[in-house]
Protein backbone atom coordinates (compact mmCIF):
# COMPACT_ATOMS: atom_id res chain seq x y z
CA MET A 1 212.55 96.26 -58.26
CA LEU A 2 214.41 98.91 -60.24
CA ALA A 3 215.28 96.31 -62.86
CA ARG A 4 211.64 96.04 -63.91
CA ARG A 5 210.85 97.42 -67.34
CA SER A 6 207.51 98.68 -66.08
CA PHE A 7 209.27 100.99 -63.59
CA TRP A 8 211.48 102.53 -66.26
CA LEU A 9 208.60 102.85 -68.71
CA GLY A 10 206.58 104.75 -66.12
CA LEU A 11 209.54 106.90 -65.16
CA VAL A 12 210.09 107.87 -68.80
CA GLU A 13 206.40 108.82 -69.01
CA ALA A 14 206.72 110.89 -65.80
CA LEU A 15 209.78 112.67 -67.23
CA ILE A 16 207.98 113.39 -70.51
CA ILE A 17 205.06 114.88 -68.59
CA THR A 18 207.54 116.91 -66.54
CA GLY A 19 209.06 118.21 -69.77
CA LEU A 20 205.61 119.21 -71.01
CA ALA A 21 204.93 120.97 -67.71
CA VAL A 22 208.22 122.89 -67.99
CA PHE A 23 207.31 123.87 -71.55
CA PHE A 24 203.93 125.24 -70.46
CA PHE A 25 205.44 126.91 -67.41
CA VAL A 26 207.75 128.85 -69.70
CA LEU A 27 204.88 129.54 -72.12
CA LYS A 28 202.26 130.58 -69.56
CA PRO A 29 203.36 130.58 -65.87
CA GLU A 30 200.01 131.84 -64.61
CA TRP A 31 198.26 128.84 -66.12
CA MET A 32 200.71 126.52 -64.39
CA TRP A 33 199.70 127.99 -61.03
CA MET A 34 196.05 127.44 -62.06
CA TYR A 35 195.35 131.12 -61.42
CA SER A 36 195.64 130.55 -57.67
CA LEU A 37 198.71 132.77 -57.46
CA HIS A 38 199.93 135.80 -59.32
CA GLU A 39 203.05 134.65 -61.12
CA LYS A 40 204.87 137.85 -60.17
CA GLU A 41 204.38 137.08 -56.44
CA VAL A 42 206.06 133.68 -56.70
CA PRO A 43 209.85 133.58 -56.24
CA ALA A 44 211.57 132.82 -59.54
CA TRP A 45 213.32 129.74 -58.13
CA LEU A 46 210.14 128.08 -56.84
CA GLY A 47 208.54 127.04 -60.13
CA PRO A 48 211.59 125.31 -61.61
CA SER A 49 212.45 123.65 -58.30
CA LEU A 50 208.96 122.14 -58.07
CA PHE A 51 209.52 120.37 -61.37
CA CYS A 52 212.19 118.29 -59.64
CA LEU A 53 209.36 116.84 -57.53
CA TYR A 54 207.12 115.90 -60.47
CA PRO A 55 208.43 112.30 -60.84
CA PHE A 56 208.17 111.66 -57.07
CA PRO A 57 204.44 110.80 -56.96
CA TYR A 58 205.01 108.24 -59.72
CA VAL A 59 207.97 106.63 -57.94
CA ALA A 60 206.17 106.58 -54.57
CA SER A 61 202.98 105.19 -56.11
CA TYR A 62 204.92 102.51 -57.99
CA PHE A 63 206.59 101.23 -54.83
CA ILE A 64 203.36 101.41 -52.84
CA GLY A 65 201.70 99.37 -55.60
CA LEU A 66 204.50 96.77 -55.49
CA GLU A 67 204.13 96.36 -51.74
CA LEU A 68 200.37 96.06 -52.04
CA LYS A 69 200.80 93.47 -54.79
CA LYS A 70 202.96 91.39 -52.45
CA ALA A 71 200.10 91.32 -49.96
CA LYS A 72 197.44 90.56 -52.57
CA ALA A 73 197.43 91.29 -56.30
CA ILE A 74 194.01 92.92 -56.28
CA TYR A 75 195.24 95.54 -53.78
CA ALA A 76 197.65 96.92 -56.39
CA TRP A 77 194.80 97.29 -58.88
CA VAL A 78 192.64 98.97 -56.25
CA TRP A 79 195.52 101.36 -55.54
CA ALA A 80 195.96 102.14 -59.24
CA GLY A 81 192.23 102.74 -59.58
CA ALA A 82 192.20 105.02 -56.53
CA VAL A 83 195.10 107.07 -57.88
CA ALA A 84 193.40 107.38 -61.28
CA LEU A 85 190.10 108.35 -59.64
CA VAL A 86 191.74 111.03 -57.50
CA ALA A 87 193.51 112.43 -60.58
CA LEU A 88 190.25 112.48 -62.53
CA ILE A 89 188.34 114.19 -59.72
CA MET A 90 191.13 116.73 -59.26
CA HIS A 91 191.07 117.61 -62.96
CA LEU A 92 187.29 117.83 -63.02
CA LEU A 93 187.29 120.17 -60.01
CA ILE A 94 189.62 122.59 -61.76
CA LEU A 95 188.29 122.08 -65.28
CA ASN A 96 187.43 125.76 -65.70
CA ARG A 97 191.00 126.63 -64.72
CA TRP A 98 192.94 124.31 -66.98
CA THR A 99 190.78 125.07 -69.99
CA SER A 100 191.40 128.83 -69.67
CA TRP A 101 194.33 130.67 -71.18
CA VAL A 102 194.22 134.14 -69.62
CA THR A 103 196.12 136.14 -67.01
CA THR A 104 195.33 135.68 -63.33
CA ASP A 105 193.66 139.09 -63.19
CA GLU A 106 191.49 138.22 -66.19
CA PHE A 107 190.59 134.87 -64.61
CA ILE A 108 189.57 136.55 -61.33
CA ALA A 109 187.48 139.02 -63.35
CA GLY A 110 185.60 136.09 -64.91
CA MET A 111 187.22 136.04 -68.35
CA ARG A 112 188.05 132.71 -69.93
CA GLY A 113 190.30 131.97 -72.88
CA GLY A 114 189.52 129.41 -75.55
CA PHE A 115 191.17 126.04 -75.02
CA PHE A 116 191.60 124.94 -78.63
CA THR A 117 192.60 128.42 -79.80
CA THR A 118 195.75 128.12 -77.68
CA PRO A 119 198.71 125.74 -77.47
CA LEU A 120 197.01 123.96 -74.54
CA TRP A 121 195.45 121.39 -76.85
CA ILE A 122 198.99 120.12 -77.52
CA TYR A 123 199.31 119.23 -73.83
CA LEU A 124 196.03 117.36 -73.87
CA PHE A 125 196.91 115.53 -77.08
CA ALA A 126 200.40 114.66 -75.83
CA SER A 127 199.02 113.45 -72.49
CA ILE A 128 196.47 111.20 -74.18
CA LEU A 129 199.15 109.91 -76.55
CA ILE A 130 201.55 109.16 -73.69
CA ALA A 131 198.83 107.42 -71.69
CA GLY A 132 197.86 105.35 -74.72
CA LEU A 133 201.44 104.37 -75.51
CA SER A 134 202.07 103.50 -71.87
CA ALA A 135 198.96 101.32 -71.77
CA ALA A 136 200.04 99.60 -74.99
CA ALA A 137 203.55 99.01 -73.63
CA PHE A 138 202.15 97.73 -70.33
CA LEU A 139 199.87 95.29 -72.13
CA TYR A 140 202.72 94.18 -74.40
CA LEU A 141 205.00 93.54 -71.43
CA SER A 142 202.19 91.70 -69.61
CA PHE A 143 201.52 89.43 -72.59
CA GLU A 144 205.24 88.89 -73.13
CA ARG A 145 205.66 87.83 -69.50
CA ALA A 146 202.60 85.56 -69.72
CA ALA A 147 204.04 83.91 -72.84
CA GLU A 148 207.35 83.27 -71.04
CA ASN A 149 205.58 81.42 -68.21
């Protein structure tokens, strides 16, 4: 299972996203907590230690998908769709939070920062780029495997 190129491709993507998260945590810790916590109230060790967990959902989801695929191939696609749908819903529910670039106190007071006037657009662009490259690599590997058979 670990010899699959798809696993390593996804893990690289998860590590790149983790690196972006670390970058933005250093740049704006309050944004990383989505204004739910005051950054000063969070122990200094907690933020960086949570980044160690970032790749875990990918790894767990990958292995769950493999097991579902063994049962029936469509189950793996349903799983992938469910994970994508949950991620989309989660982001839509907190849209006003991740498009703001203010302090927690300013957010609570109703102030909102401009998304494209801040470095946040880099995260969005990089995420879209990574997703696109991953999809292209996945399709390439799929067609390569189909050609071998």
